[in-house]
N, C-alpha and C. Protein backbone atom coordinates (compact mmCIF):
# COMPACT_ATOMS: atom_id res chain seq x y z
N MET A 1 0.97 -1.39 0.41
CA MET A 1 0.20 -0.22 0.07
C MET A 1 0.81 1.27 -0.06
N ALA A 2 0.61 2.03 -1.13
CA ALA A 2 1.49 3.58 -0.88
C ALA A 2 0.77 3.98 0.39
N ARG A 3 2.52 5.32 0.41
CA ARG A 3 2.42 5.28 1.71
C ARG A 3 1.05 7.33 1.18
N PRO A 4 0.59 7.89 1.94
CA PRO A 4 0.19 9.15 1.55
C PRO A 4 1.62 10.18 1.62
N ILE A 5 1.44 10.80 0.19
CA ILE A 5 2.47 12.16 0.33
C ILE A 5 2.04 12.80 1.59
N SER A 6 3.11 13.40 1.99
CA SER A 6 3.02 14.44 3.08
C SER A 6 3.79 15.70 2.90
N ARG A 7 4.90 15.83 2.37
CA ARG A 7 5.67 16.61 2.28
C ARG A 7 6.09 17.68 1.08
N PRO A 8 5.63 18.36 1.18
CA PRO A 8 5.89 19.34 -0.60
C PRO A 8 7.27 18.57 -1.91
N SER A 9 8.16 18.07 -0.87
CA SER A 9 9.23 17.88 -1.62
C SER A 9 8.81 16.40 -1.87
N ARG A 10 8.45 15.67 -1.95
CA ARG A 10 7.36 14.32 -2.07
C ARG A 10 6.89 14.38 -3.02
N LEU A 11 5.97 15.16 -3.20
CA LEU A 11 4.59 15.92 -3.99
C LEU A 11 5.89 16.31 -5.63
N SER A 12 6.33 17.25 -5.02
CA SER A 12 7.84 17.60 -6.36
C SER A 12 8.66 16.87 -6.95
N ALA A 13 8.80 15.80 -6.00
CA ALA A 13 9.70 14.89 -6.86
C ALA A 13 8.20 13.14 -7.78
N LEU A 14 7.00 13.68 -7.24
CA LEU A 14 6.59 12.68 -7.82
C LEU A 14 5.90 12.75 -9.24
N CYS A 15 5.21 14.49 -9.07
CA CYS A 15 4.97 14.75 -10.33
C CYS A 15 6.36 14.99 -11.26
N GLY A 16 7.72 15.18 -10.90
CA GLY A 16 8.69 15.22 -11.83
C GLY A 16 8.64 13.45 -12.33
N ARG A 17 8.74 12.89 -11.86
CA ARG A 17 8.50 11.46 -11.87
C ARG A 17 7.36 11.22 -13.10
N ILE A 18 6.03 11.72 -13.00
CA ILE A 18 5.10 11.41 -13.53
C ILE A 18 5.01 11.85 -15.18
N LYS A 19 6.14 13.20 -15.29
CA LYS A 19 6.26 14.10 -16.19
C LYS A 19 7.73 13.41 -17.23
N ASP A 20 8.28 13.16 -15.96
CA ASP A 20 9.73 12.36 -17.23
C ASP A 20 8.53 10.80 -17.91
N GLY A 21 7.72 10.19 -16.87
CA GLY A 21 7.73 8.94 -17.74
C GLY A 21 6.46 9.48 -19.23
N CYS A 22 5.76 10.57 -18.82
CA CYS A 22 4.61 11.44 -20.13
C CYS A 22 5.86 11.47 -21.08
N HIS A 23 7.36 12.55 -21.13
CA HIS A 23 8.15 12.41 -21.73
C HIS A 23 8.63 11.04 -22.38
N THR A 24 8.76 10.22 -21.62
CA THR A 24 9.61 8.58 -22.43
C THR A 24 8.58 8.08 -22.98
N HIS A 25 7.21 8.05 -22.64
CA HIS A 25 6.43 7.61 -23.50
C HIS A 25 5.95 7.99 -24.55
N ALA A 26 6.42 9.48 -24.70
CA ALA A 26 5.73 10.10 -25.92
C ALA A 26 6.66 10.24 -27.08
N GLY A 27 8.22 10.11 -26.24
CA GLY A 27 9.38 9.34 -27.05
C GLY A 27 9.61 8.53 -27.99
N LEU A 28 8.80 7.16 -27.32
CA LEU A 28 8.63 5.85 -27.29
C LEU A 28 7.70 5.88 -28.93
N ILE A 29 6.63 6.56 -28.50
CA ILE A 29 5.81 6.62 -29.20
C ILE A 29 5.89 6.42 -31.20
N GLU A 30 7.09 8.20 -30.73
CA GLU A 30 7.55 9.04 -31.86
C GLU A 30 8.38 7.92 -33.10
N ALA A 31 9.42 7.37 -31.83
CA ALA A 31 10.39 6.53 -32.64
C ALA A 31 10.17 5.96 -32.79
N THR A 32 9.25 4.53 -32.47
CA THR A 32 9.45 3.36 -32.05
C THR A 32 7.46 2.74 -33.07
N LEU A 33 6.60 3.52 -32.59
CA LEU A 33 5.32 3.07 -33.42
C LEU A 33 5.30 3.18 -34.53
N TYR A 34 5.00 1.92 -35.33
CA TYR A 34 4.39 1.78 -37.08
C TYR A 34 3.80 2.84 -37.40
N ARG A 35 3.70 3.10 -38.78
CA ARG A 35 3.26 4.56 -38.99
C ARG A 35 2.19 3.86 -39.80
N ASP A 36 0.63 2.66 -39.62
CA ASP A 36 -0.15 2.43 -39.75
C ASP A 36 -1.33 2.90 -39.68
N GLN A 37 -2.88 2.73 -39.75
CA GLN A 37 -3.50 3.22 -38.86
C GLN A 37 -3.89 3.60 -37.08
N GLY A 38 -3.17 2.34 -36.43
CA GLY A 38 -3.20 2.51 -35.37
C GLY A 38 -2.20 4.08 -34.97
N TRP A 39 -1.33 4.13 -35.40
CA TRP A 39 -0.50 5.27 -35.24
C TRP A 39 -1.22 6.49 -35.75
N TYR A 40 -2.15 6.58 -36.78
CA TYR A 40 -2.98 7.65 -36.93
C TYR A 40 -3.88 7.48 -36.22
N PHE A 41 -4.55 6.84 -35.50
CA PHE A 41 -5.94 6.74 -34.28
C PHE A 41 -5.13 7.43 -33.44
N TYR A 42 -3.70 6.82 -33.04
CA TYR A 42 -3.26 7.49 -32.02
C TYR A 42 -3.02 9.15 -31.76
N GLN A 43 -2.45 9.54 -32.76
CA GLN A 43 -2.79 11.16 -33.58
C GLN A 43 -3.93 11.98 -33.38
N LEU A 44 -4.96 11.04 -33.61
CA LEU A 44 -5.55 11.91 -33.90
C LEU A 44 -6.56 12.11 -32.27
N GLY A 45 -6.23 10.74 -31.76
CA GLY A 45 -7.03 11.15 -30.00
C GLY A 45 -6.41 12.04 -29.32
N LYS A 46 -4.42 11.68 -29.36
CA LYS A 46 -3.88 12.79 -28.74
C LYS A 46 -4.20 14.25 -29.27
N HIS A 47 -4.92 15.01 -30.65
CA HIS A 47 -4.71 16.23 -31.10
C HIS A 47 -6.05 16.61 -30.43
N LEU A 48 -7.04 15.81 -30.44
CA LEU A 48 -8.39 16.12 -29.64
C LEU A 48 -8.52 16.17 -28.48
N GLU A 49 -7.92 15.21 -28.24
CA GLU A 49 -7.59 15.51 -26.89
C GLU A 49 -7.10 16.70 -26.12
N ARG A 50 -6.08 17.22 -26.46
CA ARG A 50 -4.87 18.68 -26.45
C ARG A 50 -6.43 19.86 -27.08
N ALA A 51 -6.93 18.97 -28.18
CA ALA A 51 -7.57 20.47 -28.25
C ALA A 51 -9.00 21.40 -27.50
N ASP A 52 -9.34 19.57 -26.36
CA ASP A 52 -10.48 19.56 -25.60
C ASP A 52 -10.50 20.56 -24.92
N GLN A 53 -8.68 19.62 -24.18
CA GLN A 53 -8.31 20.02 -22.52
C GLN A 53 -8.37 21.38 -22.34
N THR A 54 -7.25 21.79 -23.76
CA THR A 54 -7.36 23.57 -23.80
C THR A 54 -8.16 24.30 -23.83
N THR A 55 -9.05 23.91 -24.19
CA THR A 55 -10.31 24.74 -24.20
C THR A 55 -10.87 25.06 -22.69
N ARG A 56 -10.81 24.11 -21.86
CA ARG A 56 -11.62 23.73 -20.71
C ARG A 56 -10.22 24.54 -19.88
N LEU A 57 -9.18 24.42 -19.99
CA LEU A 57 -8.72 25.02 -19.40
C LEU A 57 -8.34 26.60 -19.25
N LEU A 58 -8.44 27.30 -20.80
CA LEU A 58 -8.98 28.36 -20.70
C LEU A 58 -10.27 28.63 -19.89
N ASP A 59 -11.25 28.19 -20.16
CA ASP A 59 -12.75 28.17 -19.85
C ASP A 59 -12.10 28.77 -18.04
N VAL A 60 -11.43 27.47 -17.72
CA VAL A 60 -11.74 28.05 -16.08
C VAL A 60 -11.33 29.36 -15.48
N GLN A 61 -9.39 28.74 -16.51
CA GLN A 61 -9.03 30.49 -15.66
C GLN A 61 -10.13 31.45 -15.84
N HIS A 62 -10.53 31.52 -17.21
CA HIS A 62 -11.38 32.94 -17.73
C HIS A 62 -12.45 32.78 -16.39
N HIS A 63 -13.21 32.25 -15.74
CA HIS A 63 -13.79 32.23 -14.92
C HIS A 63 -13.42 32.34 -13.71
N LEU A 64 -11.79 31.83 -13.49
CA LEU A 64 -11.69 32.44 -11.92
C LEU A 64 -11.16 34.19 -12.20
N LEU A 65 -10.56 34.34 -13.33
CA LEU A 65 -9.80 35.75 -13.39
C LEU A 65 -11.22 37.02 -13.72
N THR A 66 -12.80 36.17 -13.55
CA THR A 66 -13.64 37.27 -13.69
C THR A 66 -14.27 37.23 -12.71
N ALA A 67 -13.86 36.10 -11.28
CA ALA A 67 -14.76 36.22 -9.80
C ALA A 67 -13.99 36.93 -9.73
N ALA A 68 -14.06 38.28 -8.73
CA ALA A 68 -13.56 38.67 -7.83
C ALA A 68 -12.54 38.71 -7.38
N ARG A 69 -11.41 38.99 -8.57
CA ARG A 69 -9.78 38.79 -8.18
C ARG A 69 -9.22 40.31 -9.21
N SER A 70 -8.23 41.32 -7.95
CA SER A 70 -7.56 42.04 -8.26
C SER A 70 -7.11 41.95 -9.36
N ARG A 71 -6.66 42.68 -10.44
CA ARG A 71 -5.79 42.99 -12.10
C ARG A 71 -4.50 42.72 -11.46
N ALA A 72 -4.17 42.66 -10.07
CA ALA A 72 -2.58 43.34 -10.28
C ALA A 72 -2.79 40.98 -10.36
N ASP A 73 -3.41 40.69 -9.67
CA ASP A 73 -3.19 38.84 -10.02
C ASP A 73 -3.20 38.48 -12.01
N ASP A 74 -4.01 39.29 -12.29
CA ASP A 74 -3.87 38.70 -13.47
C ASP A 74 -2.57 38.07 -14.79
N ARG A 75 -2.06 38.97 -14.38
CA ARG A 75 -0.41 38.70 -14.96
C ARG A 75 -0.34 37.10 -14.66
N VAL A 76 0.22 37.08 -13.35
CA VAL A 76 0.71 35.82 -12.81
C VAL A 76 -0.34 34.60 -13.23
N GLU A 77 -1.79 34.80 -12.72
CA GLU A 77 -2.48 33.28 -13.53
C GLU A 77 -2.68 33.48 -14.94
N TRP A 78 -2.31 34.27 -16.20
CA TRP A 78 -2.22 33.70 -16.88
C TRP A 78 -0.36 33.28 -16.92
N GLN A 79 -0.39 33.94 -16.85
CA GLN A 79 1.63 32.69 -16.92
C GLN A 79 1.29 31.75 -16.30
N LEU A 80 0.59 31.30 -15.31
CA LEU A 80 0.47 29.49 -14.64
C LEU A 80 -0.18 29.02 -15.61
N LEU A 81 -1.42 29.70 -16.42
CA LEU A 81 -2.09 29.31 -17.43
C LEU A 81 -0.77 28.55 -18.47
N LEU A 82 0.05 29.30 -19.15
CA LEU A 82 0.52 29.50 -20.00
C LEU A 82 1.80 28.28 -19.62
N ARG A 83 1.99 28.12 -18.42
CA ARG A 83 3.09 26.76 -17.87
C ARG A 83 2.25 25.88 -17.79
N ALA A 84 1.00 26.02 -17.62
CA ALA A 84 0.06 24.52 -17.70
C ALA A 84 -0.42 24.11 -18.87
N ALA A 85 -0.61 25.05 -20.19
CA ALA A 85 -0.67 24.63 -21.87
C ALA A 85 0.85 24.69 -22.02
N ALA A 86 2.24 24.49 -21.23
CA ALA A 86 3.76 24.21 -21.96
C ALA A 86 3.76 25.55 -23.23
N GLY A 87 2.58 26.45 -22.33
CA GLY A 87 3.01 27.56 -23.76
C GLY A 87 3.81 28.81 -23.25
N TYR A 88 4.95 28.89 -21.78
CA TYR A 88 5.05 29.79 -21.33
C TYR A 88 6.00 30.68 -22.26
N HIS A 89 7.26 30.02 -22.89
CA HIS A 89 8.27 30.48 -23.34
C HIS A 89 8.00 30.54 -24.70
N ALA A 90 7.28 30.01 -25.38
CA ALA A 90 6.82 30.01 -26.60
C ALA A 90 6.08 31.06 -26.78
N PHE A 91 5.07 31.57 -26.11
CA PHE A 91 4.21 32.74 -26.33
C PHE A 91 5.58 34.56 -25.97
N ARG A 92 6.48 33.75 -24.87
CA ARG A 92 7.25 35.29 -24.83
C ARG A 92 8.03 35.32 -25.87
N ARG A 93 8.34 34.62 -26.52
CA ARG A 93 9.19 34.65 -28.19
C ARG A 93 7.81 35.52 -28.73
N VAL A 94 6.73 35.70 -28.84
CA VAL A 94 5.86 36.32 -29.57
C VAL A 94 5.27 37.41 -28.82
N SER A 95 5.36 37.57 -27.50
CA SER A 95 4.48 38.45 -27.05
C SER A 95 5.78 38.86 -25.84
N PRO A 96 6.90 39.31 -25.94
CA PRO A 96 7.62 39.56 -24.97
C PRO A 96 7.47 40.91 -24.22
N ARG A 97 6.44 41.41 -23.90
CA ARG A 97 6.28 42.57 -22.97
C ARG A 97 5.06 42.56 -22.62
N SER A 98 3.85 41.93 -22.64
CA SER A 98 2.59 42.01 -22.71
C SER A 98 1.98 40.72 -22.55
N ILE A 99 1.09 40.94 -21.35
CA ILE A 99 0.20 39.14 -21.02
C ILE A 99 -0.24 39.76 -19.85
N GLY A 100 -1.69 39.30 -21.47
CA GLY A 100 -3.08 39.68 -20.51
C GLY A 100 -3.64 38.73 -21.28
N LEU A 101 -5.24 38.37 -20.57
CA LEU A 101 -6.36 37.87 -21.66
C LEU A 101 -6.30 38.12 -23.50
N GLU A 102 -6.27 38.76 -24.11
CA GLU A 102 -6.46 39.23 -25.21
C GLU A 102 -5.22 38.83 -26.14
N ASP A 103 -4.29 38.96 -25.34
CA ASP A 103 -3.20 38.37 -25.64
C ASP A 103 -3.10 37.05 -25.55
N VAL A 104 -3.10 36.20 -23.98
CA VAL A 104 -3.14 34.87 -24.01
C VAL A 104 -3.99 33.69 -24.62
N VAL A 105 -5.73 33.89 -24.78
CA VAL A 105 -6.35 33.81 -25.20
C VAL A 105 -6.05 33.40 -26.73
N GLY A 106 -5.69 34.70 -27.33
CA GLY A 106 -5.37 34.33 -28.85
C GLY A 106 -4.55 34.13 -29.01
N PHE A 107 -3.36 33.51 -28.37
CA PHE A 107 -1.76 32.91 -28.41
C PHE A 107 -2.20 31.16 -28.43
N VAL A 108 -3.49 31.21 -27.07
CA VAL A 108 -3.77 29.54 -26.86
C VAL A 108 -4.87 29.07 -28.16
N LEU A 109 -5.56 30.18 -28.45
CA LEU A 109 -6.35 29.70 -29.79
C LEU A 109 -6.46 29.02 -30.64
N PHE A 110 -5.48 30.04 -31.56
CA PHE A 110 -5.14 30.56 -32.99
C PHE A 110 -4.18 30.50 -33.05
N ASP A 111 -2.75 30.72 -32.60
CA ASP A 111 -1.58 30.42 -33.16
C ASP A 111 -0.76 29.48 -33.54
N GLU A 112 -0.75 29.39 -35.01
CA GLU A 112 -0.30 28.36 -35.48
C GLU A 112 1.04 28.03 -35.51
N ALA A 113 2.22 28.91 -35.22
CA ALA A 113 3.48 28.52 -34.93
C ALA A 113 3.48 27.76 -33.62
N PHE A 114 2.74 27.84 -32.45
CA PHE A 114 2.29 26.35 -30.95
C PHE A 114 1.63 25.36 -31.77
N PRO A 115 2.87 24.29 -31.17
CA PRO A 115 1.86 23.33 -31.72
C PRO A 115 0.77 22.81 -31.09
N ARG A 116 0.88 23.34 -28.79
CA ARG A 116 -0.22 22.76 -28.55
C ARG A 116 -1.53 23.81 -28.40
N SER A 117 -1.64 25.37 -29.56
CA SER A 117 -2.40 26.01 -29.78
C SER A 117 -4.00 24.87 -30.16
N ILE A 118 -5.29 25.30 -30.28
CA ILE A 118 -6.28 24.15 -30.28
C ILE A 118 -6.22 24.48 -32.21
N ARG A 119 -5.68 25.73 -32.86
CA ARG A 119 -5.98 25.76 -34.41
C ARG A 119 -5.17 24.71 -34.54
N GLN A 120 -4.16 24.79 -34.03
CA GLN A 120 -2.97 23.67 -34.37
C GLN A 120 -3.25 22.57 -34.86
N CYS A 121 -3.48 22.34 -33.44
CA CYS A 121 -4.31 20.84 -32.97
C CYS A 121 -5.32 20.47 -34.11
N VAL A 122 -6.51 21.11 -34.47
CA VAL A 122 -7.62 21.08 -35.28
C VAL A 122 -7.03 20.88 -36.86
N ARG A 123 -5.95 21.91 -36.81
CA ARG A 123 -5.67 21.42 -38.57
C ARG A 123 -4.13 20.42 -38.97
N THR A 124 -3.93 20.13 -37.39
CA THR A 124 -3.22 18.53 -37.64
C THR A 124 -4.33 17.54 -38.02
N VAL A 125 -5.45 17.79 -37.00
CA VAL A 125 -6.11 16.70 -37.16
C VAL A 125 -6.76 16.44 -38.29
N GLY A 126 -6.71 17.32 -39.36
CA GLY A 126 -7.10 17.53 -40.57
C GLY A 126 -6.23 17.00 -41.64
N VAL A 127 -5.21 17.23 -41.53
CA VAL A 127 -4.24 16.46 -42.34
C VAL A 127 -3.89 15.10 -42.03
N LEU A 128 -4.21 14.51 -40.58
CA LEU A 128 -3.88 12.85 -40.51
C LEU A 128 -5.82 12.39 -41.11
N LEU A 129 -6.82 13.29 -41.05
CA LEU A 129 -8.01 12.76 -41.20
C LEU A 129 -7.52 12.62 -43.03
N GLN A 130 -7.08 12.98 -43.27
CA GLN A 130 -6.78 13.08 -45.21
C GLN A 130 -6.30 12.39 -45.51
N ARG A 131 -4.81 12.16 -44.76
CA ARG A 131 -4.08 10.73 -44.79
C ARG A 131 -5.05 9.51 -44.43
N LEU A 132 -5.52 9.36 -43.46
CA LEU A 132 -6.32 8.29 -43.25
C LEU A 132 -7.23 7.69 -44.08
N ARG A 133 -7.69 8.86 -44.80
CA ARG A 133 -8.68 8.68 -46.05
C ARG A 133 -8.20 8.35 -47.44
N GLN A 134 -6.98 8.80 -47.34
CA GLN A 134 -5.75 8.32 -48.66
C GLN A 134 -5.62 6.70 -48.91
N SER A 135 -4.87 6.54 -47.48
CA SER A 135 -4.10 5.17 -47.15
C SER A 135 -5.19 4.04 -47.01
N HIS A 136 -6.27 4.54 -46.41
CA HIS A 136 -7.52 3.72 -45.94
C HIS A 136 -8.88 4.08 -45.97
N PRO A 137 -9.19 3.92 -47.47
CA PRO A 137 -10.38 4.46 -47.87
C PRO A 137 -11.67 3.21 -47.72
N ILE A 138 -12.62 4.69 -46.86
CA ILE A 138 -13.96 3.98 -46.32
C ILE A 138 -15.10 4.67 -47.22
N LEU A 139 -15.93 4.49 -47.30
CA LEU A 139 -16.66 5.03 -47.88
C LEU A 139 -17.52 6.14 -47.06
N ARG A 140 -17.72 6.21 -45.44
CA ARG A 140 -18.04 7.19 -44.60
C ARG A 140 -16.52 7.91 -44.21
N SER A 141 -15.85 8.31 -44.78
CA SER A 141 -14.32 8.41 -43.95
C SER A 141 -15.34 10.43 -45.10
N SER A 142 -15.85 10.78 -45.65
CA SER A 142 -16.23 12.11 -45.50
C SER A 142 -17.15 12.99 -44.25
N LYS A 143 -17.43 12.40 -43.88
CA LYS A 143 -18.27 12.68 -43.00
C LYS A 143 -17.59 13.27 -41.86
N PRO A 144 -15.89 12.51 -41.08
CA PRO A 144 -15.88 13.25 -40.45
C PRO A 144 -14.80 14.99 -40.98
N LEU A 145 -14.59 14.49 -42.27
CA LEU A 145 -13.84 15.56 -42.63
C LEU A 145 -15.02 17.03 -43.02
N GLU A 146 -16.10 16.53 -43.16
CA GLU A 146 -16.71 17.85 -42.96
C GLU A 146 -17.10 18.24 -41.71
N PHE A 147 -16.95 17.59 -40.43
CA PHE A 147 -17.19 18.44 -39.43
C PHE A 147 -16.06 18.75 -38.83
N HIS A 148 -14.60 18.20 -39.29
CA HIS A 148 -13.68 18.93 -38.94
C HIS A 148 -13.30 20.56 -39.89
N ASP A 149 -14.02 20.68 -40.75
CA ASP A 149 -14.01 21.75 -41.91
C ASP A 149 -15.02 23.07 -41.07
N ALA A 150 -16.45 22.52 -40.64
CA ALA A 150 -16.95 23.09 -39.72
C ALA A 150 -15.89 24.02 -38.86
N LEU A 151 -15.42 23.00 -37.96
CA LEU A 151 -14.28 23.26 -36.56
C LEU A 151 -13.62 24.42 -36.80
N ASP A 152 -13.10 24.16 -38.17
CA ASP A 152 -11.51 24.72 -39.09
C ASP A 152 -12.27 26.34 -39.17
N ALA A 153 -13.48 26.47 -39.62
CA ALA A 153 -14.05 27.92 -40.41
C ALA A 153 -14.29 28.33 -38.80
N SER A 154 -14.56 27.76 -37.60
CA SER A 154 -15.06 28.61 -36.34
C SER A 154 -13.94 29.24 -35.84
N LEU A 155 -12.55 28.45 -35.69
CA LEU A 155 -11.31 28.70 -35.67
C LEU A 155 -10.79 30.13 -36.64
N THR A 156 -11.13 29.70 -37.64
CA THR A 156 -10.61 31.07 -38.39
C THR A 156 -11.55 32.51 -38.50
N ASP A 157 -12.40 32.07 -37.97
CA ASP A 157 -13.64 32.97 -37.93
C ASP A 157 -13.60 34.34 -36.52
N GLY A 158 -13.02 32.89 -35.86
CA GLY A 158 -12.63 33.77 -34.65
C GLY A 158 -11.13 34.49 -34.24
N ALA A 159 -10.56 34.01 -35.26
CA ALA A 159 -9.16 34.66 -35.22
C ALA A 159 -8.84 36.14 -35.81
N ALA A 160 -10.38 35.98 -36.63
CA ALA A 160 -10.14 37.16 -37.47
C ALA A 160 -10.72 38.64 -36.65
N VAL A 161 -11.95 38.37 -35.58
CA VAL A 161 -12.09 39.61 -34.51
C VAL A 161 -11.25 39.24 -33.52
N PRO A 162 -11.17 40.58 -32.59
CA PRO A 162 -10.36 40.51 -31.61
C PRO A 162 -10.65 39.59 -30.35
N VAL A 163 -10.39 39.23 -29.27
CA VAL A 163 -11.54 38.24 -28.33
C VAL A 163 -12.02 39.16 -27.31
N ASP A 164 -13.54 38.40 -27.16
CA ASP A 164 -14.23 39.45 -26.06
C ASP A 164 -15.01 38.65 -25.51
N PRO A 165 -13.92 39.46 -24.02
CA PRO A 165 -14.14 38.31 -23.01
C PRO A 165 -15.25 37.92 -22.23
N ALA A 166 -16.82 38.84 -22.71
CA ALA A 166 -17.79 38.50 -22.23
C ALA A 166 -18.43 37.36 -23.23
N LYS A 167 -17.92 37.11 -24.30
CA LYS A 167 -18.40 36.02 -24.89
C LYS A 167 -17.23 34.81 -25.10
N LEU A 168 -16.43 35.00 -24.41
CA LEU A 168 -15.38 33.57 -24.26
C LEU A 168 -15.70 32.48 -24.54
N HIS A 169 -16.56 32.09 -23.09
CA HIS A 169 -17.10 31.21 -22.78
C HIS A 169 -18.22 30.19 -23.38
N ASP A 170 -19.19 31.54 -24.12
CA ASP A 170 -19.93 30.80 -25.07
C ASP A 170 -19.33 30.03 -26.55
N TYR A 171 -18.19 30.81 -26.80
CA TYR A 171 -17.42 30.04 -27.95
C TYR A 171 -16.19 29.04 -28.02
N LEU A 172 -15.76 28.84 -26.33
CA LEU A 172 -15.19 27.63 -25.97
C LEU A 172 -16.32 26.88 -25.75
N ASP A 173 -18.02 26.71 -25.37
CA ASP A 173 -18.35 26.11 -25.16
C ASP A 173 -18.62 25.21 -26.80
N LEU A 174 -18.42 26.16 -27.39
CA LEU A 174 -19.02 25.60 -28.92
C LEU A 174 -18.21 24.83 -29.63
N LEU A 175 -16.87 25.81 -29.21
CA LEU A 175 -15.09 24.67 -29.14
C LEU A 175 -15.35 23.12 -29.15
N GLN A 176 -15.97 22.98 -28.12
CA GLN A 176 -15.85 22.14 -26.96
C GLN A 176 -17.04 20.56 -27.57
N GLN A 177 -18.17 21.56 -28.49
CA GLN A 177 -19.23 20.49 -28.53
C GLN A 177 -18.26 20.21 -29.84
N GLN A 178 -18.31 20.95 -30.80
CA GLN A 178 -17.68 20.96 -32.03
C GLN A 178 -16.19 19.96 -32.21
N ILE A 179 -15.52 19.49 -31.05
CA ILE A 179 -14.56 19.00 -30.77
C ILE A 179 -15.21 17.98 -30.81
N GLY A 180 -16.24 17.22 -29.39
CA GLY A 180 -16.92 16.25 -29.28
C GLY A 180 -17.52 16.18 -30.57
N GLY A 181 -17.91 16.17 -31.17
CA GLY A 181 -19.03 16.67 -32.45
C GLY A 181 -18.19 15.18 -33.49
N LEU A 182 -16.66 16.17 -33.64
CA LEU A 182 -15.71 15.57 -34.77
C LEU A 182 -14.90 14.34 -34.03
N SER A 183 -15.10 13.98 -32.60
CA SER A 183 -14.90 13.03 -32.76
C SER A 183 -15.69 11.79 -32.25
N ASN A 184 -16.80 11.59 -32.06
CA ASN A 184 -18.14 10.80 -32.52
C ASN A 184 -18.11 10.49 -34.12
N GLU A 185 -17.74 11.06 -34.76
CA GLU A 185 -18.01 11.20 -36.50
C GLU A 185 -17.47 10.06 -37.12
N ILE A 186 -15.93 10.68 -36.17
CA ILE A 186 -15.03 9.75 -36.55
C ILE A 186 -14.80 8.35 -35.74
N THR A 187 -15.18 8.17 -34.67
CA THR A 187 -15.91 6.46 -33.95
C THR A 187 -16.89 6.41 -35.13
N LYS A 188 -17.75 6.99 -35.40
CA LYS A 188 -18.54 6.09 -36.12
C LYS A 188 -18.36 5.91 -37.81
N ALA A 189 -17.50 7.00 -38.43
CA ALA A 189 -16.82 6.64 -39.70
C ALA A 189 -16.29 5.12 -39.55
N TYR A 190 -15.09 4.95 -38.75
CA TYR A 190 -14.14 3.63 -38.89
C TYR A 190 -14.51 2.80 -37.54
N PHE A 191 -15.30 2.77 -36.48
CA PHE A 191 -15.23 2.14 -35.89
C PHE A 191 -16.82 1.45 -35.66
N GLY A 192 -17.68 2.14 -37.01
CA GLY A 192 -19.37 1.89 -36.54
C GLY A 192 -19.57 2.65 -35.88
N ASP A 193 -21.27 2.06 -35.16
CA ASP A 193 -21.70 2.91 -33.83
C ASP A 193 -21.94 2.12 -32.55
N MET A 194 -20.60 2.75 -32.11
CA MET A 194 -20.57 2.42 -30.63
C MET A 194 -20.91 2.93 -29.60
N ALA A 195 -22.33 2.47 -29.21
CA ALA A 195 -22.64 2.58 -28.53
C ALA A 195 -22.22 2.65 -26.70
């Protein structure tokens, strides 16, 4: 039976081991997994999950910041969000001086050079779906691409206008629904109706 973690140093060590294990897993997958259907579905799942979880991270952080906090805390909170999304250093390359809601949300949602941005994840899903369709054609493979195109259009339209903090929750909710819909369509197209 595992002993409870009582000291911050043990918690830090445990988190470090988990992080190292995740990096090892990612490295092994990248270096050794054969590039067949299994790899495509692994990558699709990874990028859909990353996009979905990033919308949730943004939504929770936005909610916390709009709920009775002083503006002085905002900078630290947005830095924490960027670190949680593994994007702090990448963000600082793009925006070395300012760090606020519009800058951070725009970066995490739409930046095409940041591999963990929602837009980049969705674009990667589109490329994977196209390649999967070419190498393993099935009759129902066009439906996920239609859902992907609608999601990509939402991100393209969203990037064209400044982020409105009052509408951010609704926009993130829409993205979550579209990501879930795309995931369901991939399941239906390639694995049938799995109830």
